[in-house]
Amino acid sequence: MGDGWDMAGSALGGSHPSAQGPAVVVIEDDADIRALIHSVLVRGGLQVHIARCGLEGLALVATVRPALVTLDVGLPDIDGYEVLRRLRADPRNGDLPVLLLSARSQEEELTETCAFLAKPFRARELRATVAGLIAAQPSPPAA
């Protein structure tokens, strides 16, 4: 896949703190899940930016302009559905892929999301879903 995310290398372990791949914003309040997501994505060569609550995540998305957002539903300040509504209200984020993560599945509320993973999820599932969402994005025009 030509998106710069080395899926084969991600299985080798190790961390890539200076990754030059696409940026991802992870909005997750649970420290263990945050650590798992961070580890999987950094090993895949992605630049990972962490937010521990919804408002922090919205600010980070505006600053980083990521290729993807992973979004927990149960956040301490505003829930993930409200974060999603606010993201979609900004025209700059209209096509931004969002991977919604939740221990509960409410399909009727997921119509605006690009993908959904139920917690607990496996690292392999996360890696494959994120890679697919990023690969599906159109390449930016050449300068």
Protein backbone atom coordinates (compact mmCIF):
# COMPACT_ATOMS: atom_id res chain seq x y z
CA MET A 1 0.00 0.00 0.00
CA GLY A 2 1.44 3.38 -0.96
CA ASP A 3 0.25 5.34 2.08
CA GLY A 4 3.58 5.22 3.92
CA TRP A 5 2.24 2.97 6.65
CA ASP A 6 4.40 -0.15 6.84
CA MET A 7 2.02 -2.89 7.92
CA ALA A 8 4.72 -5.55 7.79
CA GLY A 9 7.07 -3.47 9.92
CA SER A 10 4.37 -2.91 12.51
CA ALA A 11 4.48 -6.58 13.44
CA LEU A 12 8.19 -6.41 14.25
CA GLY A 13 7.75 -4.46 17.47
CA GLY A 14 9.72 -1.48 18.62
CA SER A 15 8.80 2.16 18.62
CA HIS A 16 9.25 4.81 15.97
CA PRO A 17 9.10 8.12 17.87
CA SER A 18 10.21 10.09 14.79
CA ALA A 19 7.64 8.50 12.49
CA GLN A 20 7.02 10.45 9.32
CA GLY A 21 3.79 8.72 8.37
CA PRO A 22 0.32 10.23 8.51
CA ALA A 23 -0.79 11.93 11.73
CA VAL A 24 -3.51 10.39 13.87
CA VAL A 25 -5.30 12.02 16.80
CA VAL A 26 -6.33 9.56 19.53
CA ILE A 27 -9.11 10.84 21.81
CA GLU A 28 -9.29 8.38 24.70
CA ASP A 29 -9.59 8.84 28.46
CA ASP A 30 -8.62 5.30 29.54
CA ALA A 31 -4.84 5.14 30.06
CA ASP A 32 -4.53 1.42 29.20
CA ILE A 33 -6.48 1.72 25.97
CA ARG A 34 -4.59 4.91 25.08
CA ALA A 35 -1.30 3.06 25.57
CA LEU A 36 -2.45 0.14 23.40
CA ILE A 37 -3.63 2.40 20.58
CA HIS A 38 -0.47 4.51 20.78
CA SER A 39 1.78 1.44 20.69
CA VAL A 40 0.02 -0.17 17.72
CA LEU A 41 -0.08 3.02 15.65
CA VAL A 42 3.47 4.22 16.41
CA ARG A 43 4.82 0.78 15.50
CA GLY A 44 2.98 1.21 12.22
CA GLY A 45 4.94 4.38 11.50
CA LEU A 46 2.15 6.84 12.25
CA GLN A 47 2.54 10.13 14.10
CA VAL A 48 0.27 9.77 17.14
CA HIS A 49 -1.15 12.74 19.04
CA ILE A 50 -3.05 12.03 22.26
CA ALA A 51 -6.03 13.81 23.83
CA ARG A 52 -7.58 12.66 27.11
CA CYS A 53 -10.96 14.37 26.67
CA GLY A 54 -13.25 15.62 23.92
CA LEU A 55 -12.47 19.33 24.06
CA GLU A 56 -8.72 18.66 24.10
CA GLY A 57 -9.22 16.35 21.12
CA LEU A 58 -11.13 18.97 19.13
CA ALA A 59 -8.35 21.50 19.73
CA LEU A 60 -5.72 18.94 18.72
CA VAL A 61 -7.54 18.08 15.49
CA ALA A 62 -7.65 21.79 14.58
CA THR A 63 -3.90 22.09 15.22
CA VAL A 64 -2.59 18.81 13.80
CA ARG A 65 -4.97 18.34 10.81
CA PRO A 66 -4.68 14.52 11.07
CA ALA A 67 -5.36 11.85 8.48
CA LEU A 68 -7.56 9.99 11.00
CA VAL A 69 -9.13 10.33 14.45
CA THR A 70 -9.80 7.48 16.87
CA LEU A 71 -12.60 8.54 19.16
CA ASP A 72 -13.82 6.99 22.41
CA VAL A 73 -17.56 7.34 23.04
CA GLY A 74 -17.35 7.65 26.83
CA LEU A 75 -15.28 10.74 27.53
CA PRO A 76 -15.23 12.72 30.80
CA ASP A 77 -16.28 16.12 29.42
CA ILE A 78 -18.37 15.75 26.25
CA ASP A 79 -19.18 12.35 24.80
CA GLY A 80 -17.74 11.03 21.57
CA TYR A 81 -20.98 11.62 19.65
CA GLU A 82 -20.82 15.33 20.50
CA VAL A 83 -17.14 15.42 19.48
CA LEU A 84 -18.14 13.79 16.20
CA ARG A 85 -20.95 16.32 15.64
CA ARG A 86 -18.53 19.19 16.25
CA LEU A 87 -15.92 17.69 13.94
CA ARG A 88 -18.49 17.29 11.17
CA ALA A 89 -19.77 20.85 11.68
CA ASP A 90 -16.35 22.14 10.57
CA PRO A 91 -16.10 21.96 6.75
CA ARG A 92 -12.35 21.26 7.01
CA ASN A 93 -13.21 17.94 8.68
CA GLY A 94 -15.99 16.82 6.37
CA ASP A 95 -14.04 13.88 4.93
CA LEU A 96 -11.88 13.20 8.00
CA PRO A 97 -12.08 9.47 8.80
CA VAL A 98 -13.19 8.79 12.37
CA LEU A 99 -12.84 5.41 14.05
CA LEU A 100 -15.35 5.29 16.88
CA LEU A 101 -14.42 3.03 19.81
CA SER A 102 -16.99 1.90 22.35
CA ALA A 103 -17.86 -0.95 24.67
CA ARG A 104 -21.45 -0.56 23.52
CA SER A 105 -22.71 -0.73 19.96
CA GLN A 106 -25.52 1.59 18.98
CA GLU A 107 -25.66 1.24 15.21
CA GLU A 108 -28.33 3.93 14.77
CA GLU A 109 -25.90 6.53 16.13
CA LEU A 110 -23.02 5.46 13.89
CA THR A 111 -24.28 6.76 10.57
CA GLU A 112 -21.76 9.63 10.50
CA THR A 113 -18.70 7.59 11.40
CA CYS A 114 -16.31 5.97 8.99
CA ALA A 115 -15.78 2.87 11.11
CA PHE A 116 -16.53 1.33 14.48
CA LEU A 117 -14.62 -1.05 16.74
CA ALA A 118 -16.17 -2.55 19.83
CA LYS A 119 -14.07 -2.64 22.99
CA PRO A 120 -12.27 -4.77 23.79
CA PHE A 121 -10.64 -5.00 20.37
CA ARG A 122 -7.52 -6.79 19.19
CA ALA A 123 -4.41 -4.92 18.06
CA ARG A 124 -4.67 -6.69 14.68
CA GLU A 125 -8.24 -5.37 14.24
CA LEU A 126 -7.16 -1.83 15.10
CA ARG A 127 -4.16 -1.96 12.78
CA ALA A 128 -6.21 -3.29 9.83
CA THR A 129 -9.07 -0.84 10.32
CA VAL A 130 -6.80 2.20 10.62
CA ALA A 131 -4.72 1.13 7.61
CA GLY A 132 -7.88 0.68 5.52
CA LEU A 133 -9.30 4.07 6.49
CA ILE A 134 -6.06 5.90 5.74
CA ALA A 135 -5.54 4.03 2.46
CA ALA A 136 -9.06 4.93 1.34
CA GLN A 137 -8.33 8.65 1.59
CA PRO A 138 -7.51 10.49 -1.62
CA SER A 139 -3.90 11.60 -1.90
CA PRO A 140 -3.35 15.34 -1.50
CA PRO A 141 -2.66 17.14 -4.79
CA ALA A 142 1.00 17.55 -5.71
CA ALA A 143 2.42 21.01 -5.03
